[in-house]
Amino acid sequence: MKAVVRYTYGDESVLEYTDLRDPVPGPGEVLVRVRAAGVDRGAWHIMTGLPHLARLAFGLRRPRDPQLGMDAAGVVEAVGPDVTAFRVGDEVLGVVRGSFAELTIAAERHLVAKPATVSWEQAAAAPTSTITAFDALRTRVTSGTRVLVLGAGGGVGHLAVQVARALGGEVTAATSDPAFAASVGASAVIDYRTEPLTGTYDVILDIGCRRPVRELRALLSPAGSLVFVGGEGGGALAGGMQRQFVVAPFSRQKFVTFVARTTPAALREVAEHLADGTVVPVVDRTYPLAEAADALRQLSGGRVRGKLVLHPGAAG
């Protein structure tokens, strides 16, 4: 099979488009022929090995697994022993091992049936980013909750706007693309290139972790929650992840960071919201698999509205 790999950490230049042996599913595993693969910041972090603390999971000196990509939509090619939920030919979406490839392996519990009304591209764009948005907001947003989403035009951000609205929140989006944020459901928009951040919010979702905590705390209600997603801001060692350790002993404000968890229930929730149209991933552009480096280059340049998607064997 064709796949995109890297054997050392670095920028997009370390990526190789090459041939690998077709994977074989083991017990409880499913082999999926990839129809579309989602491109997100997680792939960028795994490619670069940044922040360095992430290498504790990926490999200290070099990557343990040469492949990239977590999100995929495709057709079941084969099933391993003990798999009962899927059969050959089923259309699925989920979180897999190495989605930047023609074939990929997934645990049975990390897949769900693809809704028939959802395109391959939208299905591939949805899993990790939508789960992240729900995990960040589900227990914090109810009817009337005032929510500020920083980075509302990106992969997690544009889905978080939709999720917050679905949960009943009043959503303000801070973005460089006000028209796009409004199109995905933000009731108010701040163009951070020309406008200061203003207002008072019960929940602030800081995607990318680039804003000073002091600035955001001033916008937060006395018992509000500041939720950090991603680690692009800050230094090479910890990125923005250290920001959760805010010392505010006399404050009721909460400061939260987390790693989204892929569970069967979370994937079913994603599929249900895709099927009923509550959540609609916006795909900015698709690339052929061989041009994965170009896709990640566009992503790292911050020039993406919504999500990017790879197509194995397809033209861009």
C-alpha atoms as a PDB file:
ATOM      1  CA  MET A   1       0.000   0.000   0.000  1.00  0.00           C
ATOM      2  CA  LYS A   2       0.979   3.632  -0.406  1.00  0.00           C
ATOM      3  CA  ALA A   3       1.460   5.627   2.784  1.00  0.00           C
ATOM      4  CA  VAL A   4       2.982   8.827   4.148  1.00  0.00           C
ATOM      5  CA  VAL A   5       5.711   8.236   6.740  1.00  0.00           C
ATOM      6  CA  ARG A   6       8.558   9.970   8.540  1.00  0.00           C
ATOM      7  CA  TYR A   7      11.445   8.367  10.416  1.00  0.00           C
ATOM      8  CA  THR A   8      12.645  11.464  12.242  1.00  0.00           C
ATOM      9  CA  TYR A   9      11.011  14.535  13.744  1.00  0.00           C
ATOM     10  CA  GLY A  10      10.959  17.725  11.704  1.00  0.00           C
ATOM     11  CA  ASP A  11       8.955  19.918   9.369  1.00  0.00           C
ATOM     12  CA  GLU A  12       7.105  18.793   6.260  1.00  0.00           C
ATOM     13  CA  SER A  13      10.382  18.010   4.484  1.00  0.00           C
ATOM     14  CA  VAL A  14      10.815  14.816   6.560  1.00  0.00           C
ATOM     15  CA  LEU A  15       7.689  13.235   5.063  1.00  0.00           C
ATOM     16  CA  GLU A  16       8.006  10.415   2.529  1.00  0.00           C
ATOM     17  CA  TYR A  17       5.351   9.003   0.216  1.00  0.00           C
ATOM     18  CA  THR A  18       6.282   5.359  -0.033  1.00  0.00           C
ATOM     19  CA  ASP A  19       5.203   1.716  -0.165  1.00  0.00           C
ATOM     20  CA  LEU A  20       4.494  -0.232   3.011  1.00  0.00           C
ATOM     21  CA  ARG A  21       3.355  -3.783   3.566  1.00  0.00           C
ATOM     22  CA  ASP A  22      -0.434  -4.102   3.784  1.00  0.00           C
ATOM     23  CA  PRO A  23      -1.446  -4.312   7.459  1.00  0.00           C
ATOM     24  CA  VAL A  24      -3.283  -7.346   8.811  1.00  0.00           C
ATOM     25  CA  PRO A  25      -5.982  -6.953  11.483  1.00  0.00           C
ATOM     26  CA  GLY A  26      -5.475  -8.770  14.749  1.00  0.00           C
ATOM     27  CA  PRO A  27      -8.060  -9.773  17.370  1.00  0.00           C
ATOM     28  CA  GLY A  28     -10.631  -7.009  17.844  1.00  0.00           C
ATOM     29  CA  GLU A  29      -9.243  -5.026  14.904  1.00  0.00           C
ATOM     30  CA  VAL A  30     -10.666  -3.872  11.585  1.00  0.00           C
ATOM     31  CA  LEU A  31      -8.814  -3.234   8.316  1.00  0.00           C
ATOM     32  CA  VAL A  32     -10.223  -0.162   6.547  1.00  0.00           C
ATOM     33  CA  ARG A  33      -9.619   0.978   2.982  1.00  0.00           C
ATOM     34  CA  VAL A  34      -9.323   4.721   3.423  1.00  0.00           C
ATOM     35  CA  ARG A  35     -11.586   6.884   1.299  1.00  0.00           C
ATOM     36  CA  ALA A  36     -10.639  10.115   3.088  1.00  0.00           C
ATOM     37  CA  ALA A  37      -8.300  11.065   5.935  1.00  0.00           C
ATOM     38  CA  GLY A  38      -8.633  14.121   8.156  1.00  0.00           C
ATOM     39  CA  VAL A  39      -5.660  16.452   8.627  1.00  0.00           C
ATOM     40  CA  ASP A  40      -5.391  18.162  11.990  1.00  0.00           C
ATOM     41  CA  ARG A  41      -2.960  19.680  14.464  1.00  0.00           C
ATOM     42  CA  GLY A  42      -2.431  16.309  16.053  1.00  0.00           C
ATOM     43  CA  ALA A  43      -0.677  15.121  12.898  1.00  0.00           C
ATOM     44  CA  TRP A  44       1.488  18.252  12.944  1.00  0.00           C
ATOM     45  CA  HIS A  45       2.506  17.650  16.570  1.00  0.00           C
ATOM     46  CA  ILE A  46       3.367  14.024  15.851  1.00  0.00           C
ATOM     47  CA  MET A  47       5.359  15.010  12.741  1.00  0.00           C
ATOM     48  CA  THR A  48       7.396  17.699  14.503  1.00  0.00           C
ATOM     49  CA  GLY A  49       7.630  16.105  17.937  1.00  0.00           C
ATOM     50  CA  LEU A  50       6.551  19.447  19.410  1.00  0.00           C
ATOM     51  CA  PRO A  51       6.166  20.301  22.156  1.00  0.00           C
ATOM     52  CA  HIS A  52       9.008  18.106  23.383  1.00  0.00           C
ATOM     53  CA  LEU A  53       6.953  16.746  26.270  1.00  0.00           C
ATOM     54  CA  ALA A  54       4.781  15.003  23.677  1.00  0.00           C
ATOM     55  CA  ARG A  55       7.735  12.776  22.778  1.00  0.00           C
ATOM     56  CA  LEU A  56       7.160  10.884  26.003  1.00  0.00           C
ATOM     57  CA  ALA A  57       4.203   9.359  24.150  1.00  0.00           C
ATOM     58  CA  PHE A  58       5.546   9.304  20.580  1.00  0.00           C
ATOM     59  CA  GLY A  59       9.226   8.379  21.096  1.00  0.00           C
ATOM     60  CA  LEU A  60      12.021  10.388  22.676  1.00  0.00           C
ATOM     61  CA  ARG A  61      14.714  10.424  19.974  1.00  0.00           C
ATOM     62  CA  ARG A  62      12.740   9.267  16.988  1.00  0.00           C
ATOM     63  CA  PRO A  63       9.114   8.297  16.311  1.00  0.00           C
ATOM     64  CA  ARG A  64       8.115   4.818  17.445  1.00  0.00           C
ATOM     65  CA  ASP A  65       5.548   4.635  14.636  1.00  0.00           C
ATOM     66  CA  PRO A  66       6.581   6.080  11.253  1.00  0.00           C
ATOM     67  CA  GLN A  67       3.000   6.639  10.082  1.00  0.00           C
ATOM     68  CA  LEU A  68       0.808   9.707  10.568  1.00  0.00           C
ATOM     69  CA  GLY A  69      -2.893  10.458  10.767  1.00  0.00           C
ATOM     70  CA  MET A  70      -5.674   9.582  13.215  1.00  0.00           C
ATOM     71  CA  ASP A  71      -9.007  10.291  11.517  1.00  0.00           C
ATOM     72  CA  ALA A  72     -10.385   8.299   8.608  1.00  0.00           C
ATOM     73  CA  ALA A  73     -13.522   7.339   6.755  1.00  0.00           C
ATOM     74  CA  GLY A  74     -13.578   4.305   4.524  1.00  0.00           C
ATOM     75  CA  VAL A  75     -14.824   0.810   3.751  1.00  0.00           C
ATOM     76  CA  VAL A  76     -14.148  -2.291   5.821  1.00  0.00           C
ATOM     77  CA  GLU A  77     -11.692  -4.483   3.910  1.00  0.00           C
ATOM     78  CA  ALA A  78     -11.264  -7.271   6.473  1.00  0.00           C
ATOM     79  CA  VAL A  79     -11.968  -7.994  10.134  1.00  0.00           C
ATOM     80  CA  GLY A  80      -9.866  -9.751  12.733  1.00  0.00           C
ATOM     81  CA  PRO A  81     -10.968 -12.456  15.170  1.00  0.00           C
ATOM     82  CA  ASP A  82     -13.658 -11.485  17.679  1.00  0.00           C
ATOM     83  CA  VAL A  83     -14.968  -8.534  15.644  1.00  0.00           C
ATOM     84  CA  THR A  84     -18.766  -8.586  15.707  1.00  0.00           C
ATOM     85  CA  ALA A  85     -19.912  -5.025  14.962  1.00  0.00           C
ATOM     86  CA  PHE A  86     -18.647  -4.732  11.360  1.00  0.00           C
ATOM     87  CA  ARG A  87     -18.513  -6.776   8.184  1.00  0.00           C
ATOM     88  CA  VAL A  88     -16.573  -6.459   4.954  1.00  0.00           C
ATOM     89  CA  GLY A  89     -18.100  -3.670   2.857  1.00  0.00           C
ATOM     90  CA  ASP A  90     -19.418  -1.581   5.767  1.00  0.00           C
ATOM     91  CA  GLU A  91     -18.845   2.170   5.531  1.00  0.00           C
ATOM     92  CA  VAL A  92     -17.234   3.501   8.701  1.00  0.00           C
ATOM     93  CA  LEU A  93     -15.551   6.499  10.280  1.00  0.00           C
ATOM     94  CA  GLY A  94     -13.362   6.754  13.323  1.00  0.00           C
ATOM     95  CA  VAL A  95      -9.964   7.106  14.926  1.00  0.00           C
ATOM     96  CA  VAL A  96      -7.333   4.795  13.463  1.00  0.00           C
ATOM     97  CA  ARG A  97      -3.592   4.079  13.404  1.00  0.00           C
ATOM     98  CA  GLY A  98      -1.984   5.790  10.422  1.00  0.00           C
ATOM     99  CA  SER A  99      -4.810   7.230   8.342  1.00  0.00           C
ATOM    100  CA  PHE A 100      -2.398   8.846   5.834  1.00  0.00           C
ATOM    101  CA  ALA A 101      -2.395   5.614   3.849  1.00  0.00           C
ATOM    102  CA  GLU A 102      -4.485   3.519   1.482  1.00  0.00           C
ATOM    103  CA  LEU A 103      -5.201   0.986   4.243  1.00  0.00           C
ATOM    104  CA  THR A 104      -5.342   1.430   7.994  1.00  0.00           C
ATOM    105  CA  ILE A 105      -6.042  -0.570  11.134  1.00  0.00           C
ATOM    106  CA  ALA A 106      -8.537   0.467  13.816  1.00  0.00           C
ATOM    107  CA  ALA A 107      -9.754  -1.067  17.030  1.00  0.00           C
ATOM    108  CA  GLU A 108     -13.368  -2.145  16.598  1.00  0.00           C
ATOM    109  CA  ARG A 109     -14.424   0.173  19.440  1.00  0.00           C
ATOM    110  CA  HIS A 110     -12.851   3.155  17.686  1.00  0.00           C
ATOM    111  CA  LEU A 111     -15.118   2.900  14.650  1.00  0.00           C
ATOM    112  CA  VAL A 112     -18.750   3.731  14.023  1.00  0.00           C
ATOM    113  CA  ALA A 113     -21.002   3.383  10.991  1.00  0.00           C
ATOM    114  CA  LYS A 114     -20.791   6.360   8.639  1.00  0.00           C
ATOM    115  CA  PRO A 115     -24.172   8.076   8.224  1.00  0.00           C
ATOM    116  CA  ALA A 116     -25.341   7.644   4.645  1.00  0.00           C
ATOM    117  CA  THR A 117     -26.114  11.351   4.290  1.00  0.00           C
ATOM    118  CA  VAL A 118     -22.577  12.440   5.205  1.00  0.00           C
ATOM    119  CA  SER A 119     -19.819  12.751   2.611  1.00  0.00           C
ATOM    120  CA  TRP A 120     -16.529  10.869   2.930  1.00  0.00           C
ATOM    121  CA  GLU A 121     -14.731  14.182   3.399  1.00  0.00           C
ATOM    122  CA  GLN A 122     -16.987  15.378   6.215  1.00  0.00           C
ATOM    123  CA  ALA A 123     -16.862  11.978   7.903  1.00  0.00           C
ATOM    124  CA  ALA A 124     -13.052  11.987   7.868  1.00  0.00           C
ATOM    125  CA  ALA A 125     -12.874  15.572   9.110  1.00  0.00           C
ATOM    126  CA  ALA A 126     -15.119  14.986  12.105  1.00  0.00           C
ATOM    127  CA  PRO A 127     -13.898  12.440  14.692  1.00  0.00           C
ATOM    128  CA  THR A 128     -11.060  13.867  16.793  1.00  0.00           C
ATOM    129  CA  SER A 129     -11.930  17.553  16.381  1.00  0.00           C
ATOM    130  CA  THR A 130     -15.615  17.021  17.214  1.00  0.00           C
ATOM    131  CA  ILE A 131     -14.841  14.811  20.204  1.00  0.00           C
ATOM    132  CA  THR A 132     -12.430  17.494  21.434  1.00  0.00           C
ATOM    133  CA  ALA A 133     -15.106  20.176  21.116  1.00  0.00           C
ATOM    134  CA  PHE A 134     -17.671  18.094  23.017  1.00  0.00           C
ATOM    135  CA  ASP A 135     -15.205  17.133  25.765  1.00  0.00           C
ATOM    136  CA  ALA A 136     -14.268  20.780  26.222  1.00  0.00           C
ATOM    137  CA  LEU A 137     -17.828  22.065  26.407  1.00  0.00           C
ATOM    138  CA  ARG A 138     -20.298  19.337  27.341  1.00  0.00           C
ATOM    139  CA  THR A 139     -20.268  19.728  31.133  1.00  0.00           C
ATOM    140  CA  ARG A 140     -19.746  23.490  31.005  1.00  0.00           C
ATOM    141  CA  VAL A 141     -22.365  24.785  28.570  1.00  0.00           C
ATOM    142  CA  THR A 142     -26.119  24.799  29.037  1.00  0.00           C
ATOM    143  CA  SER A 143     -28.903  27.092  27.889  1.00  0.00           C
ATOM    144  CA  GLY A 144     -27.780  30.699  28.056  1.00  0.00           C
ATOM    145  CA  THR A 145     -24.117  30.031  28.868  1.00  0.00           C
ATOM    146  CA  ARG A 146     -21.949  32.802  27.425  1.00  0.00           C
ATOM    147  CA  VAL A 147     -19.155  31.184  25.412  1.00  0.00           C
ATOM    148  CA  LEU A 148     -16.123  32.768  23.743  1.00  0.00           C
ATOM    149  CA  VAL A 149     -14.289  30.600  21.199  1.00  0.00           C
ATOM    150  CA  LEU A 150     -10.774  31.791  20.346  1.00  0.00           C
ATOM    151  CA  GLY A 151      -9.586  30.389  17.022  1.00  0.00           C
ATOM    152  CA  ALA A 152     -13.131  29.830  15.816  1.00  0.00           C
ATOM    153  CA  GLY A 153     -12.151  29.460  12.164  1.00  0.00           C
ATOM    154  CA  GLY A 154      -9.962  26.381  12.569  1.00  0.00           C
ATOM    155  CA  GLY A 155     -10.586  22.656  12.744  1.00  0.00           C
ATOM    156  CA  VAL A 156     -11.639  22.371  16.384  1.00  0.00           C
ATOM    157  CA  GLY A 157     -12.835  25.973  16.556  1.00  0.00           C
ATOM    158  CA  HIS A 158     -15.506  25.937  13.865  1.00  0.00           C
ATOM    159  CA  LEU A 159     -16.881  22.700  15.304  1.00  0.00           C
ATOM    160  CA  ALA A 160     -16.771  24.103  18.843  1.00  0.00           C
ATOM    161  CA  VAL A 161     -18.955  27.002  17.720  1.00  0.00           C
ATOM    162  CA  GLN A 162     -21.527  24.495  16.461  1.00  0.00           C
ATOM    163  CA  VAL A 163     -21.267  22.260  19.542  1.00  0.00           C
ATOM    164  CA  ALA A 164     -21.637  25.201  21.957  1.00  0.00           C
ATOM    165  CA  ARG A 165     -24.693  26.380  20.073  1.00  0.00           C
ATOM    166  CA  ALA A 166     -26.178  22.859  20.083  1.00  0.00           C
ATOM    167  CA  LEU A 167     -25.731  22.755  23.867  1.00  0.00           C
ATOM    168  CA  GLY A 168     -27.666  26.016  24.205  1.00  0.00           C
ATOM    169  CA  GLY A 169     -24.789  28.459  24.526  1.00  0.00           C
ATOM    170  CA  GLU A 170     -24.641  32.051  23.331  1.00  0.00           C
ATOM    171  CA  VAL A 171     -21.510  31.921  21.196  1.00  0.00           C
ATOM    172  CA  THR A 172     -19.058  34.707  20.431  1.00  0.00           C
ATOM    173  CA  ALA A 173     -16.294  33.814  17.984  1.00  0.00           C
ATOM    174  CA  ALA A 174     -12.870  35.477  17.941  1.00  0.00           C
ATOM    175  CA  THR A 175     -11.356  34.940  14.519  1.00  0.00           C
ATOM    176  CA  SER A 176      -9.624  36.501  11.546  1.00  0.00           C
ATOM    177  CA  ASP A 177     -12.531  35.426   9.320  1.00  0.00           C
ATOM    178  CA  PRO A 178     -15.753  36.881  10.768  1.00  0.00           C
ATOM    179  CA  ALA A 179     -17.957  35.860   7.834  1.00  0.00           C
ATOM    180  CA  PHE A 180     -16.907  32.224   8.148  1.00  0.00           C
ATOM    181  CA  ALA A 181     -17.508  32.153  11.915  1.00  0.00           C
ATOM    182  CA  ALA A 182     -20.961  33.642  11.438  1.00  0.00           C
ATOM    183  CA  SER A 183     -21.732  31.061   8.753  1.00  0.00           C
ATOM    184  CA  VAL A 184     -21.150  28.171  11.187  1.00  0.00           C
ATOM    185  CA  GLY A 185     -23.424  29.632  13.859  1.00  0.00           C
ATOM    186  CA  ALA A 186     -21.651  32.268  15.949  1.00  0.00           C
ATOM    187  CA  SER A 187     -24.162  34.836  17.186  1.00  0.00           C
ATOM    188  CA  ALA A 188     -21.457  37.479  17.655  1.00  0.00           C
ATOM    189  CA  VAL A 189     -18.018  37.812  16.092  1.00  0.00           C
ATOM    190  CA  ILE A 190     -14.838  39.654  17.089  1.00  0.00           C
ATOM    191  CA  ASP A 191     -12.244  40.225  14.370  1.00  0.00           C
ATOM    192  CA  TYR A 192      -9.137  40.026  16.555  1.00  0.00           C
ATOM    193  CA  ARG A 193      -7.004  41.655  13.851  1.00  0.00           C
ATOM    194  CA  THR A 194      -8.793  44.971  14.289  1.00  0.00           C
ATOM    195  CA  GLU A 195     -10.876  44.679  17.477  1.00  0.00           C
ATOM    196  CA  PRO A 196      -9.997  44.100  21.138  1.00  0.00           C
ATOM    197  CA  LEU A 197     -11.524  41.167  22.991  1.00  0.00           C
ATOM    198  CA  THR A 198     -14.422  42.488  25.045  1.00  0.00           C
ATOM    199  CA  GLY A 199     -17.362  41.131  27.030  1.00  0.00           C
ATOM    200  CA  THR A 200     -17.879  38.765  29.946  1.00  0.00           C
ATOM    201  CA  TYR A 201     -18.061  35.000  29.415  1.00  0.00           C
ATOM    202  CA  ASP A 202     -18.897  31.941  31.480  1.00  0.00           C
ATOM    203  CA  VAL A 203     -16.681  29.718  29.318  1.00  0.00           C
ATOM    204  CA  ILE A 204     -13.671  30.711  27.229  1.00  0.00           C
ATOM    205  CA  LEU A 205     -12.267  28.092  24.880  1.00  0.00           C
ATOM    206  CA  ASP A 206      -8.682  29.038  24.011  1.00  0.00           C
ATOM    207  CA  ILE A 207      -7.623  26.973  21.007  1.00  0.00           C
ATOM    208  CA  GLY A 208      -3.911  27.133  20.334  1.00  0.00           C
ATOM    209  CA  CYS A 209      -3.113  28.710  23.725  1.00  0.00           C
ATOM    210  CA  ARG A 210      -1.598  31.924  22.404  1.00  0.00           C
ATOM    211  CA  ARG A 211      -3.356  34.585  24.506  1.00  0.00           C
ATOM    212  CA  PRO A 212      -1.963  35.746  27.878  1.00  0.00           C
ATOM    213  CA  VAL A 213      -3.897  34.146  30.726  1.00  0.00           C
ATOM    214  CA  ARG A 214      -4.193  37.502  32.494  1.00  0.00           C
ATOM    215  CA  GLU A 215      -6.003  38.954  29.471  1.00  0.00           C
ATOM    216  CA  LEU A 216      -8.443  36.056  29.318  1.00  0.00           C
ATOM    217  CA  ARG A 217      -9.137  36.028  33.054  1.00  0.00           C
ATOM    218  CA  ALA A 218     -10.310  39.619  32.781  1.00  0.00           C
ATOM    219  CA  LEU A 219     -13.012  38.456  30.360  1.00  0.00           C
ATOM    220  CA  LEU A 220     -14.103  35.516  32.507  1.00  0.00           C
ATOM    221  CA  SER A 221     -17.035  35.621  34.901  1.00  0.00           C
ATOM    222  CA  PRO A 222     -16.196  35.123  38.617  1.00  0.00           C
ATOM    223  CA  ALA A 223     -17.001  31.393  38.507  1.00  0.00           C
ATOM    224  CA  GLY A 224     -16.236  30.843  34.829  1.00  0.00           C
ATOM    225  CA  SER A 225     -14.021  28.258  33.134  1.00  0.00           C
ATOM    226  CA  LEU A 226     -11.009  28.914  30.925  1.00  0.00           C
ATOM    227  CA  VAL A 227     -10.419  25.802  28.814  1.00  0.00           C
ATOM    228  CA  PHE A 228      -7.128  25.317  26.965  1.00  0.00           C
ATOM    229  CA  VAL A 229      -7.054  23.186  23.812  1.00  0.00           C
ATOM    230  CA  GLY A 230      -3.883  22.495  21.846  1.00  0.00           C
ATOM    231  CA  GLY A 231      -0.260  23.362  22.451  1.00  0.00           C
ATOM    232  CA  GLU A 232       0.864  25.659  19.662  1.00  0.00           C
ATOM    233  CA  GLY A 233       1.533  28.643  21.904  1.00  0.00           C
ATOM    234  CA  GLY A 234       4.427  28.868  24.351  1.00  0.00           C
ATOM    235  CA  GLY A 235       7.892  27.339  24.122  1.00  0.00           C
ATOM    236  CA  ALA A 236       9.215  24.173  22.524  1.00  0.00           C
ATOM    237  CA  LEU A 237       9.279  22.196  25.786  1.00  0.00           C
ATOM    238  CA  ALA A 238       5.624  22.368  26.849  1.00  0.00           C
ATOM    239  CA  GLY A 239       3.909  24.476  24.200  1.00  0.00           C
ATOM    240  CA  GLY A 240       0.844  26.015  25.810  1.00  0.00           C
ATOM    241  CA  MET A 241       0.174  23.056  28.086  1.00  0.00           C
ATOM    242  CA  GLN A 242       1.794  24.636  31.144  1.00  0.00           C
ATOM    243  CA  ARG A 243      -0.893  27.325  31.185  1.00  0.00           C
ATOM    244  CA  GLN A 244      -3.269  25.089  33.132  1.00  0.00           C
ATOM    245  CA  PHE A 245      -1.128  25.545  36.240  1.00  0.00           C
ATOM    246  CA  VAL A 246      -2.540  28.974  36.993  1.00  0.00           C
ATOM    247  CA  VAL A 247      -2.133  29.872  40.643  1.00  0.00           C
ATOM    248  CA  ALA A 248      -5.288  31.688  41.745  1.00  0.00           C
ATOM    249  CA  PRO A 249      -5.952  30.475  45.320  1.00  0.00           C
ATOM    250  CA  PHE A 250      -8.771  32.919  46.078  1.00  0.00           C
ATOM    251  CA  SER A 251     -10.582  32.668  42.759  1.00  0.00           C
ATOM    252  CA  ARG A 252     -13.555  30.487  41.838  1.00  0.00           C
ATOM    253  CA  GLN A 253     -12.480  30.591  38.212  1.00  0.00           C
ATOM    254  CA  LYS A 254     -11.408  27.232  36.778  1.00  0.00           C
ATOM    255  CA  PHE A 255      -8.457  26.589  34.458  1.00  0.00           C
ATOM    256  CA  VAL A 256      -8.675  23.372  32.493  1.00  0.00           C
ATOM    257  CA  THR A 257      -6.653  21.496  29.905  1.00  0.00           C
ATOM    258  CA  PHE A 258      -7.300  17.953  28.761  1.00  0.00           C
ATOM    259  CA  VAL A 259      -6.667  15.281  26.172  1.00  0.00           C
ATOM    260  CA  ALA A 260      -9.805  14.200  24.332  1.00  0.00           C
ATOM    261  CA  ARG A 261     -10.718  10.539  24.826  1.00  0.00           C
ATOM    262  CA  THR A 262     -11.983   8.404  21.971  1.00  0.00           C
ATOM    263  CA  THR A 263     -14.704   6.112  23.315  1.00  0.00           C
ATOM    264  CA  PRO A 264     -17.543   4.227  21.623  1.00  0.00           C
ATOM    265  CA  ALA A 265     -20.028   6.633  23.208  1.00  0.00           C
ATOM    266  CA  ALA A 266     -18.090   9.659  21.943  1.00  0.00           C
ATOM    267  CA  LEU A 267     -17.996   8.292  18.392  1.00  0.00           C
ATOM    268  CA  ARG A 268     -21.713   7.493  18.462  1.00  0.00           C
ATOM    269  CA  GLU A 269     -22.346  11.068  19.570  1.00  0.00           C
ATOM    270  CA  VAL A 270     -20.289  12.370  16.642  1.00  0.00           C
ATOM    271  CA  ALA A 271     -22.178  10.170  14.167  1.00  0.00           C
ATOM    272  CA  GLU A 272     -25.569  11.210  15.569  1.00  0.00           C
ATOM    273  CA  HIS A 273     -24.777  14.910  15.260  1.00  0.00           C
ATOM    274  CA  LEU A 274     -23.402  14.439  11.759  1.00  0.00           C
ATOM    275  CA  ALA A 275     -26.525  12.564  10.742  1.00  0.00           C
ATOM    276  CA  ASP A 276     -28.962  15.174  12.038  1.00  0.00           C
ATOM    277  CA  GLY A 277     -26.917  18.109  10.750  1.00  0.00           C
ATOM    278  CA  THR A 278     -26.263  19.646  14.169  1.00  0.00           C
ATOM    279  CA  VAL A 279     -22.543  19.467  13.410  1.00  0.00           C
ATOM    280  CA  VAL A 280     -21.344  20.027   9.848  1.00  0.00           C
ATOM    281  CA  PRO A 281     -17.567  19.937   9.305  1.00  0.00           C
ATOM    282  CA  VAL A 282     -16.432  22.446   6.702  1.00  0.00           C
ATOM    283  CA  VAL A 283     -13.763  21.069   4.373  1.00  0.00           C
ATOM    284  CA  ASP A 284     -11.605  23.903   3.079  1.00  0.00           C
ATOM    285  CA  ARG A 285      -9.616  21.809   0.608  1.00  0.00           C
ATOM    286  CA  THR A 286      -8.746  18.237  -0.302  1.00  0.00           C
ATOM    287  CA  TYR A 287      -5.317  16.948  -1.320  1.00  0.00           C
ATOM    288  CA  PRO A 288      -4.134  13.677  -2.857  1.00  0.00           C
ATOM    289  CA  LEU A 289      -2.281  11.490  -0.368  1.00  0.00           C
ATOM    290  CA  ALA A 290       1.022  12.142  -2.128  1.00  0.00           C
ATOM    291  CA  GLU A 291       0.668  15.848  -1.276  1.00  0.00           C
ATOM    292  CA  ALA A 292       0.261  15.398   2.473  1.00  0.00           C
ATOM    293  CA  ALA A 293       3.288  17.631   3.041  1.00  0.00           C
ATOM    294  CA  ASP A 294       1.534  20.485   1.226  1.00  0.00           C
ATOM    295  CA  ALA A 295      -1.580  19.971   3.348  1.00  0.00           C
ATOM    296  CA  LEU A 296       0.404  20.103   6.589  1.00  0.00           C
ATOM    297  CA  ARG A 297       2.300  23.137   5.309  1.00  0.00           C
ATOM    298  CA  GLN A 298      -0.996  24.933   4.717  1.00  0.00           C
ATOM    299  CA  LEU A 299      -2.213  23.896   8.160  1.00  0.00           C
ATOM    300  CA  SER A 300       0.917  25.099   9.955  1.00  0.00           C
ATOM    301  CA  GLY A 301       0.685  28.398   8.090  1.00  0.00           C
ATOM    302  CA  GLY A 302      -2.704  29.072   9.664  1.00  0.00           C
ATOM    303  CA  ARG A 303      -4.457  29.429   6.316  1.00  0.00           C
ATOM    304  CA  VAL A 304      -7.275  26.923   6.799  1.00  0.00           C
ATOM    305  CA  ARG A 305     -10.988  27.569   7.235  1.00  0.00           C
ATOM    306  CA  GLY A 306     -12.332  24.438   8.875  1.00  0.00           C
ATOM    307  CA  LYS A 307     -10.550  21.232   7.923  1.00  0.00           C
ATOM    308  CA  LEU A 308      -8.247  19.737   5.292  1.00  0.00           C
ATOM    309  CA  VAL A 309      -8.694  16.210   3.961  1.00  0.00           C
ATOM    310  CA  LEU A 310      -6.461  13.739   2.102  1.00  0.00           C
ATOM    311  CA  HIS A 311      -7.700  11.406  -0.630  1.00  0.00           C
ATOM    312  CA  PRO A 312      -5.618   8.257  -1.217  1.00  0.00           C
ATOM    313  CA  GLY A 313      -5.174   7.823  -4.948  1.00  0.00           C
ATOM    314  CA  ALA A 314      -7.226  10.917  -5.810  1.00  0.00           C
ATOM    315  CA  ALA A 315      -6.312  14.110  -7.565  1.00  0.00           C
ATOM    316  CA  GLY A 316      -6.475  17.343  -5.606  1.00  0.00           C
END
